[in-house]
Amino acid sequence: MHGQRLAVSPAPPTDVIYGPNLGPLLTSVQVFTVFWGQAWDHLPRDAMNLFFDTILSSSLIDVLAEYSVSGQQIGPGKLLGTITILDSEPGGGSGTVTDAEIQQALQGWIANGRIPGQSANSLYFIYLPPGVAVTGPGGTGTSCVQMCGYHSSSGTSADIYYAVVPYPSCAGCQSNFTVIDAMTFTTSHELCEAITDPLVGTGWTDPFTGEEIGDICDRGGVWQATSLFGYVVQKVWSNKQGGCVACVPFCVATVPYPVPLDTPVNLTVQATDAATGAPVAGHVKIACGGVQIGPSSGWPTNVPFAVTLHSCRPGSEVLVPVGVVSAPGYSSDVHVVFGFE
């Protein structure tokens, strides 16, 4: 599967394996967003681009590093650019568009220089306006009926990698989320799958079901969502951790809400080996409002320490980046969730 689904039959999770054709991976994904249709002139394009600016160097991408293979090391990516296409409409304004029409439009935009040409790490995200349904490539079905988004490839060498995210205009694709949350959720699903299986079926998939790492974590119509830096994302399957995750083994420490500013808070960042569950020694650094708090060397993991918040941005809940936790065999961003009055 290469589409983010509305609902499917439950199936037991299993490890994913590298595809039989040993296909490409997007090792440093370069995302270019395309907002297609006049409606996007008044819709939240900036919010989605800010999402990419944040998520492409987050712990969600760190998880994907375990799917690196010889000569293809997966690491952080970046948002390359964006465009809003206002002089045409998906499907010619008919309210429906096919994947073939999307491929034709994408190849045309590249050919006439409206968007950058593809590289080995290029990934084009095409966002459709409200009221437009898309029929995806074979097996994915129709948006708001069988799926909420998909990724695929195009071109004579199938080396133009792209994802399509319809506007979440139906209950099945918006669920209880806001529109933006629904869009970041579906986008994160397709992003992670496109990185690890860009040429569908030749990368990392479940050998029994053909599912990709996002599909495994939305079985049974149960969306496994979490929040990273205030954005809703979908968890993805981790072979190493044996479950659906959005971060490496020692990723989240929580502080009960509310926590007033200028008040010491007791905190423990737990670092454990995913395979054995044994504690892993490391250090964690906390930055609040862009200023590091506490000793320059950070605090040791698995040991309680007190921290006082002085300069966090306002809000009822804030995700504070916790530098880099360094431990034998691991190096990853960690996130601490602070709620405060």
C-alpha atoms as a PDB file:
ATOM      1  CA  MET A   1       0.000   0.000   0.000  1.00  0.00           C
ATOM      2  CA  HIS A   2       1.164   3.524  -0.633  1.00  0.00           C
ATOM      3  CA  GLY A   3      -1.892   5.466   0.461  1.00  0.00           C
ATOM      4  CA  GLN A   4      -2.908   6.709   3.902  1.00  0.00           C
ATOM      5  CA  ARG A   5      -6.148   4.884   4.545  1.00  0.00           C
ATOM      6  CA  LEU A   6      -9.538   5.588   6.034  1.00  0.00           C
ATOM      7  CA  ALA A   7      -9.965   2.144   7.583  1.00  0.00           C
ATOM      8  CA  VAL A   8      -8.621  -1.339   7.013  1.00  0.00           C
ATOM      9  CA  SER A   9      -8.952  -4.792   8.546  1.00  0.00           C
ATOM     10  CA  PRO A  10      -6.712  -5.380  11.558  1.00  0.00           C
ATOM     11  CA  ALA A  11      -3.647  -7.530  11.014  1.00  0.00           C
ATOM     12  CA  PRO A  12      -0.792  -8.472  13.319  1.00  0.00           C
ATOM     13  CA  PRO A  13       2.218  -6.189  12.939  1.00  0.00           C
ATOM     14  CA  THR A  14       5.442  -7.663  11.607  1.00  0.00           C
ATOM     15  CA  ASP A  15       8.902  -6.451  10.712  1.00  0.00           C
ATOM     16  CA  VAL A  16       9.341  -4.684   7.402  1.00  0.00           C
ATOM     17  CA  ILE A  17      12.149  -5.743   5.095  1.00  0.00           C
ATOM     18  CA  TYR A  18      14.117  -4.072   2.319  1.00  0.00           C
ATOM     19  CA  GLY A  19      12.430  -4.711  -1.012  1.00  0.00           C
ATOM     20  CA  PRO A  20      13.463  -7.532  -3.323  1.00  0.00           C
ATOM     21  CA  ASN A  21      14.650  -5.069  -5.984  1.00  0.00           C
ATOM     22  CA  LEU A  22      16.823  -3.148  -3.511  1.00  0.00           C
ATOM     23  CA  GLY A  23      15.366   0.146  -4.609  1.00  0.00           C
ATOM     24  CA  PRO A  24      16.355   3.723  -3.792  1.00  0.00           C
ATOM     25  CA  LEU A  25      15.865   5.574  -0.507  1.00  0.00           C
ATOM     26  CA  LEU A  26      15.593   9.344  -0.057  1.00  0.00           C
ATOM     27  CA  THR A  27      18.636   9.855   2.131  1.00  0.00           C
ATOM     28  CA  SER A  28      18.327  13.640   2.518  1.00  0.00           C
ATOM     29  CA  VAL A  29      14.847  14.430   1.269  1.00  0.00           C
ATOM     30  CA  GLN A  30      14.378  17.739  -0.554  1.00  0.00           C
ATOM     31  CA  VAL A  31      10.697  18.664  -0.332  1.00  0.00           C
ATOM     32  CA  PHE A  32       9.008  21.067  -2.740  1.00  0.00           C
ATOM     33  CA  THR A  33       5.368  21.924  -2.005  1.00  0.00           C
ATOM     34  CA  VAL A  34       2.804  22.611  -4.730  1.00  0.00           C
ATOM     35  CA  PHE A  35      -0.550  24.117  -3.745  1.00  0.00           C
ATOM     36  CA  TRP A  36      -2.762  23.604  -6.774  1.00  0.00           C
ATOM     37  CA  GLY A  37      -5.856  25.723  -7.391  1.00  0.00           C
ATOM     38  CA  GLN A  38      -7.125  29.247  -6.757  1.00  0.00           C
ATOM     39  CA  ALA A  39      -8.638  28.293  -3.402  1.00  0.00           C
ATOM     40  CA  TRP A  40      -5.106  28.025  -1.984  1.00  0.00           C
ATOM     41  CA  ASP A  41      -4.735  31.780  -2.334  1.00  0.00           C
ATOM     42  CA  HIS A  42      -6.847  31.999   0.845  1.00  0.00           C
ATOM     43  CA  LEU A  43      -5.885  28.766   2.601  1.00  0.00           C
ATOM     44  CA  PRO A  44      -3.091  28.041   5.128  1.00  0.00           C
ATOM     45  CA  ARG A  45      -0.146  27.318   2.834  1.00  0.00           C
ATOM     46  CA  ASP A  46       2.367  28.908   5.215  1.00  0.00           C
ATOM     47  CA  ALA A  47       1.344  26.576   8.031  1.00  0.00           C
ATOM     48  CA  MET A  48       2.235  23.526   5.956  1.00  0.00           C
ATOM     49  CA  ASN A  49       5.572  24.965   4.875  1.00  0.00           C
ATOM     50  CA  LEU A  50       6.418  25.768   8.501  1.00  0.00           C
ATOM     51  CA  PHE A  51       5.515  22.178   9.344  1.00  0.00           C
ATOM     52  CA  PHE A  52       8.097  20.916   6.851  1.00  0.00           C
ATOM     53  CA  ASP A  53      10.714  23.347   8.168  1.00  0.00           C
ATOM     54  CA  THR A  54      10.272  21.743  11.582  1.00  0.00           C
ATOM     55  CA  ILE A  55       9.570  18.092  10.911  1.00  0.00           C
ATOM     56  CA  LEU A  56      12.322  17.416   8.357  1.00  0.00           C
ATOM     57  CA  SER A  57      14.967  17.675  11.091  1.00  0.00           C
ATOM     58  CA  SER A  58      12.898  16.194  13.914  1.00  0.00           C
ATOM     59  CA  SER A  59      12.962  12.920  15.820  1.00  0.00           C
ATOM     60  CA  LEU A  60      10.437  11.481  13.343  1.00  0.00           C
ATOM     61  CA  ILE A  61      13.182  11.559  10.701  1.00  0.00           C
ATOM     62  CA  ASP A  62      15.665  10.182  13.242  1.00  0.00           C
ATOM     63  CA  VAL A  63      13.517   7.049  13.472  1.00  0.00           C
ATOM     64  CA  LEU A  64      13.972   6.450   9.758  1.00  0.00           C
ATOM     65  CA  ALA A  65      17.753   6.206  10.127  1.00  0.00           C
ATOM     66  CA  GLU A  66      17.327   2.566  11.135  1.00  0.00           C
ATOM     67  CA  TYR A  67      16.183   1.889   7.576  1.00  0.00           C
ATOM     68  CA  SER A  68      19.482   3.012   6.085  1.00  0.00           C
ATOM     69  CA  VAL A  69      21.350   0.466   3.965  1.00  0.00           C
ATOM     70  CA  SER A  70      24.868   0.272   2.611  1.00  0.00           C
ATOM     71  CA  GLY A  71      25.550   3.411   0.609  1.00  0.00           C
ATOM     72  CA  GLN A  72      22.214   4.994   1.554  1.00  0.00           C
ATOM     73  CA  GLN A  73      22.232   6.663   4.977  1.00  0.00           C
ATOM     74  CA  ILE A  74      18.934   8.365   5.837  1.00  0.00           C
ATOM     75  CA  GLY A  75      19.293  11.709   7.570  1.00  0.00           C
ATOM     76  CA  PRO A  76      17.543  15.071   7.935  1.00  0.00           C
ATOM     77  CA  GLY A  77      16.013  16.797   4.939  1.00  0.00           C
ATOM     78  CA  LYS A  78      14.902  20.322   4.102  1.00  0.00           C
ATOM     79  CA  LEU A  79      12.134  22.285   2.433  1.00  0.00           C
ATOM     80  CA  LEU A  80      13.511  23.295  -0.945  1.00  0.00           C
ATOM     81  CA  GLY A  81      10.739  25.700  -1.927  1.00  0.00           C
ATOM     82  CA  THR A  82       7.051  26.165  -2.666  1.00  0.00           C
ATOM     83  CA  ILE A  83       4.677  27.360  -5.374  1.00  0.00           C
ATOM     84  CA  THR A  84       0.966  28.081  -5.617  1.00  0.00           C
ATOM     85  CA  ILE A  85      -0.539  27.220  -9.009  1.00  0.00           C
ATOM     86  CA  LEU A  86      -3.385  29.663  -9.594  1.00  0.00           C
ATOM     87  CA  ASP A  87      -3.766  29.549 -13.384  1.00  0.00           C
ATOM     88  CA  SER A  88      -5.164  26.010 -13.566  1.00  0.00           C
ATOM     89  CA  GLU A  89      -7.341  23.724 -11.483  1.00  0.00           C
ATOM     90  CA  PRO A  90      -6.963  20.023 -10.710  1.00  0.00           C
ATOM     91  CA  GLY A  91      -9.097  18.074 -13.159  1.00  0.00           C
ATOM     92  CA  GLY A  92      -9.871  21.270 -15.053  1.00  0.00           C
ATOM     93  CA  GLY A  93     -12.254  22.377 -12.325  1.00  0.00           C
ATOM     94  CA  SER A  94     -14.418  19.237 -12.606  1.00  0.00           C
ATOM     95  CA  GLY A  95     -14.096  18.380  -8.913  1.00  0.00           C
ATOM     96  CA  THR A  96     -12.201  15.165  -9.662  1.00  0.00           C
ATOM     97  CA  VAL A  97      -8.650  14.530 -10.810  1.00  0.00           C
ATOM     98  CA  THR A  98      -6.825  11.312 -11.658  1.00  0.00           C
ATOM     99  CA  ASP A  99      -3.299  10.349 -10.748  1.00  0.00           C
ATOM    100  CA  ALA A 100      -2.476  10.304 -14.471  1.00  0.00           C
ATOM    101  CA  GLU A 101      -3.560  13.957 -14.736  1.00  0.00           C
ATOM    102  CA  ILE A 102      -1.455  14.855 -11.701  1.00  0.00           C
ATOM    103  CA  GLN A 103       1.597  13.148 -13.208  1.00  0.00           C
ATOM    104  CA  GLN A 104       1.050  15.001 -16.485  1.00  0.00           C
ATOM    105  CA  ALA A 105       0.791  18.335 -14.675  1.00  0.00           C
ATOM    106  CA  LEU A 106       3.847  17.624 -12.524  1.00  0.00           C
ATOM    107  CA  GLN A 107       5.998  16.679 -15.495  1.00  0.00           C
ATOM    108  CA  GLY A 108       4.795  19.807 -17.322  1.00  0.00           C
ATOM    109  CA  TRP A 109       5.694  22.116 -14.415  1.00  0.00           C
ATOM    110  CA  ILE A 110       9.176  20.592 -14.299  1.00  0.00           C
ATOM    111  CA  ALA A 111       9.627  20.801 -18.070  1.00  0.00           C
ATOM    112  CA  ASN A 112       8.663  24.480 -18.286  1.00  0.00           C
ATOM    113  CA  GLY A 113      10.733  25.452 -15.253  1.00  0.00           C
ATOM    114  CA  ARG A 114       7.876  26.427 -12.942  1.00  0.00           C
ATOM    115  CA  ILE A 115       9.234  24.066 -10.319  1.00  0.00           C
ATOM    116  CA  PRO A 116      12.778  22.699  -9.846  1.00  0.00           C
ATOM    117  CA  GLY A 117      13.790  19.596 -11.734  1.00  0.00           C
ATOM    118  CA  GLN A 118      14.094  16.342  -9.858  1.00  0.00           C
ATOM    119  CA  SER A 119      17.191  15.087  -8.098  1.00  0.00           C
ATOM    120  CA  ALA A 120      17.818  11.766  -6.373  1.00  0.00           C
ATOM    121  CA  ASN A 121      16.312  13.198  -3.168  1.00  0.00           C
ATOM    122  CA  SER A 122      13.506  15.347  -4.571  1.00  0.00           C
ATOM    123  CA  LEU A 123       9.984  14.817  -3.259  1.00  0.00           C
ATOM    124  CA  TYR A 124       7.112  16.945  -4.567  1.00  0.00           C
ATOM    125  CA  PHE A 125       4.119  17.348  -2.249  1.00  0.00           C
ATOM    126  CA  ILE A 126       0.977  18.286  -4.187  1.00  0.00           C
ATOM    127  CA  TYR A 127      -1.893  19.691  -2.133  1.00  0.00           C
ATOM    128  CA  LEU A 128      -5.373  19.706  -3.663  1.00  0.00           C
ATOM    129  CA  PRO A 129      -8.023  22.341  -2.846  1.00  0.00           C
ATOM    130  CA  PRO A 130     -11.333  21.709  -1.051  1.00  0.00           C
ATOM    131  CA  GLY A 131     -13.975  19.906  -3.073  1.00  0.00           C
ATOM    132  CA  VAL A 132     -11.559  17.976  -5.284  1.00  0.00           C
ATOM    133  CA  ALA A 133     -11.403  14.171  -5.083  1.00  0.00           C
ATOM    134  CA  VAL A 134      -8.460  12.244  -6.490  1.00  0.00           C
ATOM    135  CA  THR A 135      -8.333   8.729  -7.901  1.00  0.00           C
ATOM    136  CA  GLY A 136      -4.921   7.364  -7.018  1.00  0.00           C
ATOM    137  CA  PRO A 137      -2.743   4.827  -8.812  1.00  0.00           C
ATOM    138  CA  GLY A 138      -3.658   1.147  -8.796  1.00  0.00           C
ATOM    139  CA  GLY A 139      -4.807  -0.141  -5.420  1.00  0.00           C
ATOM    140  CA  THR A 140      -5.139   3.168  -3.598  1.00  0.00           C
ATOM    141  CA  GLY A 141      -8.735   4.008  -4.592  1.00  0.00           C
ATOM    142  CA  THR A 142     -10.435   7.381  -4.254  1.00  0.00           C
ATOM    143  CA  SER A 143      -9.838  10.069  -1.640  1.00  0.00           C
ATOM    144  CA  CYS A 144     -12.397  10.255   1.162  1.00  0.00           C
ATOM    145  CA  VAL A 145     -13.552   6.754   0.169  1.00  0.00           C
ATOM    146  CA  GLN A 146     -10.547   4.446   0.482  1.00  0.00           C
ATOM    147  CA  MET A 147      -7.696   6.794   1.349  1.00  0.00           C
ATOM    148  CA  CYS A 148      -6.657  10.272   2.474  1.00  0.00           C
ATOM    149  CA  GLY A 149      -3.405  10.628   0.539  1.00  0.00           C
ATOM    150  CA  TYR A 150      -0.770   8.645  -1.314  1.00  0.00           C
ATOM    151  CA  HIS A 151       2.733   8.748  -2.736  1.00  0.00           C
ATOM    152  CA  SER A 152       4.043   7.384  -6.005  1.00  0.00           C
ATOM    153  CA  SER A 153       6.577   7.990  -8.780  1.00  0.00           C
ATOM    154  CA  SER A 154       6.424   9.287 -12.315  1.00  0.00           C
ATOM    155  CA  GLY A 155       8.554   9.864 -15.414  1.00  0.00           C
ATOM    156  CA  THR A 156      10.066   7.530 -17.982  1.00  0.00           C
ATOM    157  CA  SER A 157      12.487   6.227 -15.357  1.00  0.00           C
ATOM    158  CA  ALA A 158       9.929   6.488 -12.510  1.00  0.00           C
ATOM    159  CA  ASP A 159      12.398   8.820 -10.783  1.00  0.00           C
ATOM    160  CA  ILE A 160      10.056  11.731 -10.094  1.00  0.00           C
ATOM    161  CA  TYR A 161       8.843  11.059  -6.576  1.00  0.00           C
ATOM    162  CA  TYR A 162       5.698  12.802  -5.380  1.00  0.00           C
ATOM    163  CA  ALA A 163       2.924  12.682  -2.795  1.00  0.00           C
ATOM    164  CA  VAL A 164      -0.667  13.867  -3.105  1.00  0.00           C
ATOM    165  CA  VAL A 165      -2.640  15.211  -0.136  1.00  0.00           C
ATOM    166  CA  PRO A 166      -6.295  16.088  -0.828  1.00  0.00           C
ATOM    167  CA  TYR A 167      -7.880  18.744   1.342  1.00  0.00           C
ATOM    168  CA  PRO A 168      -9.441  16.857   4.310  1.00  0.00           C
ATOM    169  CA  SER A 169     -13.038  17.737   3.465  1.00  0.00           C
ATOM    170  CA  CYS A 170     -14.627  14.556   4.824  1.00  0.00           C
ATOM    171  CA  ALA A 171     -15.045  13.131   8.318  1.00  0.00           C
ATOM    172  CA  GLY A 172     -13.055  10.034   7.409  1.00  0.00           C
ATOM    173  CA  CYS A 173      -9.955  12.091   6.625  1.00  0.00           C
ATOM    174  CA  GLN A 174     -10.353  14.888   9.162  1.00  0.00           C
ATOM    175  CA  SER A 175     -11.587  12.723  12.066  1.00  0.00           C
ATOM    176  CA  ASN A 176     -11.528  14.819  15.256  1.00  0.00           C
ATOM    177  CA  PHE A 177      -8.588  16.909  14.066  1.00  0.00           C
ATOM    178  CA  THR A 178      -8.519  20.475  12.880  1.00  0.00           C
ATOM    179  CA  VAL A 179      -7.922  20.819   9.138  1.00  0.00           C
ATOM    180  CA  ILE A 180      -4.247  21.655   9.684  1.00  0.00           C
ATOM    181  CA  ASP A 181      -3.767  18.759  12.107  1.00  0.00           C
ATOM    182  CA  ALA A 182      -5.389  16.366   9.624  1.00  0.00           C
ATOM    183  CA  MET A 183      -3.107  17.648   6.877  1.00  0.00           C
ATOM    184  CA  THR A 184       0.089  17.321   8.938  1.00  0.00           C
ATOM    185  CA  PHE A 185      -0.994  13.842  10.038  1.00  0.00           C
ATOM    186  CA  THR A 186      -1.492  12.607   6.462  1.00  0.00           C
ATOM    187  CA  THR A 187       1.589  14.474   5.257  1.00  0.00           C
ATOM    188  CA  SER A 188       3.826  12.846   7.876  1.00  0.00           C
ATOM    189  CA  HIS A 189       2.510   9.406   6.866  1.00  0.00           C
ATOM    190  CA  GLU A 190       3.324   9.948   3.195  1.00  0.00           C
ATOM    191  CA  LEU A 191       6.638  11.670   3.948  1.00  0.00           C
ATOM    192  CA  CYS A 192       8.028   8.757   5.959  1.00  0.00           C
ATOM    193  CA  GLU A 193       6.838   6.178   3.454  1.00  0.00           C
ATOM    194  CA  ALA A 194       8.212   8.127   0.490  1.00  0.00           C
ATOM    195  CA  ILE A 195      11.624   8.345   2.181  1.00  0.00           C
ATOM    196  CA  THR A 196      11.799   4.610   2.915  1.00  0.00           C
ATOM    197  CA  ASP A 197       9.986   3.310  -0.190  1.00  0.00           C
ATOM    198  CA  PRO A 198      10.022   6.017  -2.896  1.00  0.00           C
ATOM    199  CA  LEU A 199       9.788   3.579  -5.792  1.00  0.00           C
ATOM    200  CA  VAL A 200       6.819   1.775  -4.310  1.00  0.00           C
ATOM    201  CA  GLY A 201       7.457  -1.864  -3.461  1.00  0.00           C
ATOM    202  CA  THR A 202      11.232  -1.768  -3.856  1.00  0.00           C
ATOM    203  CA  GLY A 203      12.056  -0.252  -0.466  1.00  0.00           C
ATOM    204  CA  TRP A 204      10.911  -1.123   3.045  1.00  0.00           C
ATOM    205  CA  THR A 205       7.608  -3.021   3.160  1.00  0.00           C
ATOM    206  CA  ASP A 206       5.873  -5.782   5.112  1.00  0.00           C
ATOM    207  CA  PRO A 207       6.774  -8.943   3.156  1.00  0.00           C
ATOM    208  CA  PHE A 208       3.362 -10.507   3.802  1.00  0.00           C
ATOM    209  CA  THR A 209       0.983  -7.594   3.246  1.00  0.00           C
ATOM    210  CA  GLY A 210       3.033  -5.182   1.143  1.00  0.00           C
ATOM    211  CA  GLU A 211       2.311  -2.422   3.663  1.00  0.00           C
ATOM    212  CA  GLU A 212       4.776   0.382   4.224  1.00  0.00           C
ATOM    213  CA  ILE A 213       5.912   1.730   7.595  1.00  0.00           C
ATOM    214  CA  GLY A 214       2.991   4.142   7.912  1.00  0.00           C
ATOM    215  CA  ASP A 215       0.328   1.686   6.772  1.00  0.00           C
ATOM    216  CA  ILE A 216       1.213  -0.753   9.544  1.00  0.00           C
ATOM    217  CA  CYS A 217       0.404   1.943  12.104  1.00  0.00           C
ATOM    218  CA  ASP A 218      -3.067   2.844  10.842  1.00  0.00           C
ATOM    219  CA  ARG A 219      -4.507  -0.665  10.703  1.00  0.00           C
ATOM    220  CA  GLY A 220      -8.085  -1.150  11.790  1.00  0.00           C
ATOM    221  CA  GLY A 221      -8.929   2.499  11.181  1.00  0.00           C
ATOM    222  CA  VAL A 222      -7.077   3.455  14.380  1.00  0.00           C
ATOM    223  CA  TRP A 223      -4.794   6.395  13.675  1.00  0.00           C
ATOM    224  CA  GLN A 224      -1.762   6.389  15.951  1.00  0.00           C
ATOM    225  CA  ALA A 225      -1.116  10.097  16.333  1.00  0.00           C
ATOM    226  CA  THR A 226       1.286  12.037  18.501  1.00  0.00           C
ATOM    227  CA  SER A 227       2.522  15.625  18.752  1.00  0.00           C
ATOM    228  CA  LEU A 228       5.982  16.880  17.824  1.00  0.00           C
ATOM    229  CA  PHE A 229       6.761  20.564  18.276  1.00  0.00           C
ATOM    230  CA  GLY A 230       3.042  21.235  18.408  1.00  0.00           C
ATOM    231  CA  TYR A 231       2.290  19.398  15.129  1.00  0.00           C
ATOM    232  CA  VAL A 232       0.154  16.268  14.853  1.00  0.00           C
ATOM    233  CA  VAL A 233       2.028  13.447  13.130  1.00  0.00           C
ATOM    234  CA  GLN A 234       1.432   9.756  12.611  1.00  0.00           C
ATOM    235  CA  LYS A 235       3.655   7.214  14.295  1.00  0.00           C
ATOM    236  CA  VAL A 236       5.485   4.811  11.980  1.00  0.00           C
ATOM    237  CA  TRP A 237       6.651   1.230  12.357  1.00  0.00           C
ATOM    238  CA  SER A 238      10.109   0.688  13.862  1.00  0.00           C
ATOM    239  CA  ASN A 239      11.765  -2.710  13.453  1.00  0.00           C
ATOM    240  CA  LYS A 240      14.292  -1.774  16.118  1.00  0.00           C
ATOM    241  CA  GLN A 241      11.689  -0.827  18.709  1.00  0.00           C
ATOM    242  CA  GLY A 242       9.090  -3.381  17.628  1.00  0.00           C
ATOM    243  CA  GLY A 243       6.214  -0.921  17.524  1.00  0.00           C
ATOM    244  CA  CYS A 244       4.744   2.307  16.210  1.00  0.00           C
ATOM    245  CA  VAL A 245       6.835   5.297  17.275  1.00  0.00           C
ATOM    246  CA  ALA A 246       7.707   8.893  16.394  1.00  0.00           C
ATOM    247  CA  CYS A 247      11.103   9.029  18.073  1.00  0.00           C
ATOM    248  CA  VAL A 248      14.106   6.931  19.047  1.00  0.00           C
ATOM    249  CA  PRO A 249      13.987   4.836  22.234  1.00  0.00           C
ATOM    250  CA  PHE A 250      14.496   7.613  24.783  1.00  0.00           C
ATOM    251  CA  CYS A 251      12.438  10.340  23.284  1.00  0.00           C
ATOM    252  CA  VAL A 252       9.837  11.945  25.532  1.00  0.00           C
ATOM    253  CA  ALA A 253       9.763  13.198  29.089  1.00  0.00           C
ATOM    254  CA  THR A 254       6.612  14.882  30.362  1.00  0.00           C
ATOM    255  CA  VAL A 255       5.974  17.473  33.035  1.00  0.00           C
ATOM    256  CA  PRO A 256       2.413  17.639  34.421  1.00  0.00           C
ATOM    257  CA  TYR A 257       0.338  20.668  33.421  1.00  0.00           C
ATOM    258  CA  PRO A 258       0.465  23.418  34.594  1.00  0.00           C
ATOM    259  CA  VAL A 259       4.024  24.379  35.437  1.00  0.00           C
ATOM    260  CA  PRO A 260       4.362  28.082  36.342  1.00  0.00           C
ATOM    261  CA  LEU A 261       7.369  29.953  35.038  1.00  0.00           C
ATOM    262  CA  ASP A 262      10.259  30.669  37.429  1.00  0.00           C
ATOM    263  CA  THR A 263       9.393  27.582  39.471  1.00  0.00           C
ATOM    264  CA  PRO A 264      11.774  24.610  39.801  1.00  0.00           C
ATOM    265  CA  VAL A 265      10.475  21.443  38.125  1.00  0.00           C
ATOM    266  CA  ASN A 266      11.808  17.973  38.860  1.00  0.00           C
ATOM    267  CA  LEU A 267      12.498  16.065  35.642  1.00  0.00           C
ATOM    268  CA  THR A 268      13.995  12.755  34.599  1.00  0.00           C
ATOM    269  CA  VAL A 269      14.855  11.977  30.983  1.00  0.00           C
ATOM    270  CA  GLN A 270      14.878   8.204  30.659  1.00  0.00           C
ATOM    271  CA  ALA A 271      17.202   6.631  28.108  1.00  0.00           C
ATOM    272  CA  THR A 272      16.895   2.889  27.545  1.00  0.00           C
ATOM    273  CA  ASP A 273      18.148   0.371  25.032  1.00  0.00           C
ATOM    274  CA  ALA A 274      15.243  -0.522  22.736  1.00  0.00           C
ATOM    275  CA  ALA A 275      16.248  -4.174  22.547  1.00  0.00           C
ATOM    276  CA  THR A 276      17.002  -4.923  26.196  1.00  0.00           C
ATOM    277  CA  GLY A 277      15.232  -2.159  28.114  1.00  0.00           C
ATOM    278  CA  ALA A 278      18.444  -1.516  30.065  1.00  0.00           C
ATOM    279  CA  PRO A 279      19.277   2.074  31.051  1.00  0.00           C
ATOM    280  CA  VAL A 280      21.681   3.872  28.722  1.00  0.00           C
ATOM    281  CA  ALA A 281      24.017   6.540  30.101  1.00  0.00           C
ATOM    282  CA  GLY A 282      23.989   9.847  28.278  1.00  0.00           C
ATOM    283  CA  HIS A 283      23.471  13.564  28.743  1.00  0.00           C
ATOM    284  CA  VAL A 284      20.614  15.876  27.861  1.00  0.00           C
ATOM    285  CA  LYS A 285      20.699  19.615  27.211  1.00  0.00           C
ATOM    286  CA  ILE A 286      17.600  21.788  27.516  1.00  0.00           C
ATOM    287  CA  ALA A 287      17.022  25.040  25.660  1.00  0.00           C
ATOM    288  CA  CYS A 288      14.101  27.281  26.549  1.00  0.00           C
ATOM    289  CA  GLY A 289      13.309  30.210  24.280  1.00  0.00           C
ATOM    290  CA  GLY A 290      16.545  29.499  22.428  1.00  0.00           C
ATOM    291  CA  VAL A 291      18.696  29.813  25.571  1.00  0.00           C
ATOM    292  CA  GLN A 292      20.318  26.769  27.139  1.00  0.00           C
ATOM    293  CA  ILE A 293      19.329  26.150  30.735  1.00  0.00           C
ATOM    294  CA  GLY A 294      21.604  24.578  33.307  1.00  0.00           C
ATOM    295  CA  PRO A 295      25.176  23.269  33.041  1.00  0.00           C
ATOM    296  CA  SER A 296      26.932  23.470  29.673  1.00  0.00           C
ATOM    297  CA  SER A 297      27.491  19.719  29.737  1.00  0.00           C
ATOM    298  CA  GLY A 298      23.790  19.058  30.365  1.00  0.00           C
ATOM    299  CA  TRP A 299      22.236  16.672  32.850  1.00  0.00           C
ATOM    300  CA  PRO A 300      22.759  12.903  32.988  1.00  0.00           C
ATOM    301  CA  THR A 301      19.983  10.673  31.719  1.00  0.00           C
ATOM    302  CA  ASN A 302      17.985   8.483  34.111  1.00  0.00           C
ATOM    303  CA  VAL A 303      18.836  10.764  37.047  1.00  0.00           C
ATOM    304  CA  PRO A 304      16.359  13.309  38.503  1.00  0.00           C
ATOM    305  CA  PHE A 305      17.298  16.969  38.167  1.00  0.00           C
ATOM    306  CA  ALA A 306      15.588  20.299  38.723  1.00  0.00           C
ATOM    307  CA  VAL A 307      15.081  22.851  35.983  1.00  0.00           C
ATOM    308  CA  THR A 308      13.479  26.311  36.072  1.00  0.00           C
ATOM    309  CA  LEU A 309      11.724  27.727  33.010  1.00  0.00           C
ATOM    310  CA  HIS A 310      12.408  31.414  32.443  1.00  0.00           C
ATOM    311  CA  SER A 311      11.933  32.363  28.822  1.00  0.00           C
ATOM    312  CA  CYS A 312       9.691  29.861  27.019  1.00  0.00           C
ATOM    313  CA  ARG A 313       7.277  31.231  24.463  1.00  0.00           C
ATOM    314  CA  PRO A 314       3.705  31.619  25.803  1.00  0.00           C
ATOM    315  CA  GLY A 315       1.078  28.927  25.358  1.00  0.00           C
ATOM    316  CA  SER A 316      -0.778  26.235  27.263  1.00  0.00           C
ATOM    317  CA  GLU A 317       1.676  23.559  26.132  1.00  0.00           C
ATOM    318  CA  VAL A 318       5.138  23.966  24.657  1.00  0.00           C
ATOM    319  CA  LEU A 319       7.468  21.434  23.104  1.00  0.00           C
ATOM    320  CA  VAL A 320      10.988  22.368  24.157  1.00  0.00           C
ATOM    321  CA  PRO A 321      13.851  20.925  22.080  1.00  0.00           C
ATOM    322  CA  VAL A 322      16.307  19.068  24.280  1.00  0.00           C
ATOM    323  CA  GLY A 323      19.495  19.346  22.269  1.00  0.00           C
ATOM    324  CA  VAL A 324      21.092  16.010  21.511  1.00  0.00           C
ATOM    325  CA  VAL A 325      21.196  13.017  23.787  1.00  0.00           C
ATOM    326  CA  SER A 326      24.497  11.219  23.269  1.00  0.00           C
ATOM    327  CA  ALA A 327      24.739   7.616  24.359  1.00  0.00           C
ATOM    328  CA  PRO A 328      26.565   4.528  23.070  1.00  0.00           C
ATOM    329  CA  GLY A 329      25.013   3.648  19.746  1.00  0.00           C
ATOM    330  CA  TYR A 330      22.522   6.516  19.750  1.00  0.00           C
ATOM    331  CA  SER A 331      22.364  10.195  18.908  1.00  0.00           C
ATOM    332  CA  SER A 332      18.985  11.858  18.635  1.00  0.00           C
ATOM    333  CA  ASP A 333      16.803  14.812  19.405  1.00  0.00           C
ATOM    334  CA  VAL A 334      14.658  14.429  22.497  1.00  0.00           C
ATOM    335  CA  HIS A 335      11.548  16.422  23.304  1.00  0.00           C
ATOM    336  CA  VAL A 336      10.284  17.503  26.698  1.00  0.00           C
ATOM    337  CA  VAL A 337       6.642  18.540  26.960  1.00  0.00           C
ATOM    338  CA  PHE A 338       6.079  21.476  29.279  1.00  0.00           C
ATOM    339  CA  GLY A 339       2.682  22.886  30.154  1.00  0.00           C
ATOM    340  CA  PHE A 340       2.646  26.130  32.097  1.00  0.00           C
ATOM    341  CA  GLU A 341       0.345  28.873  33.289  1.00  0.00           C
END
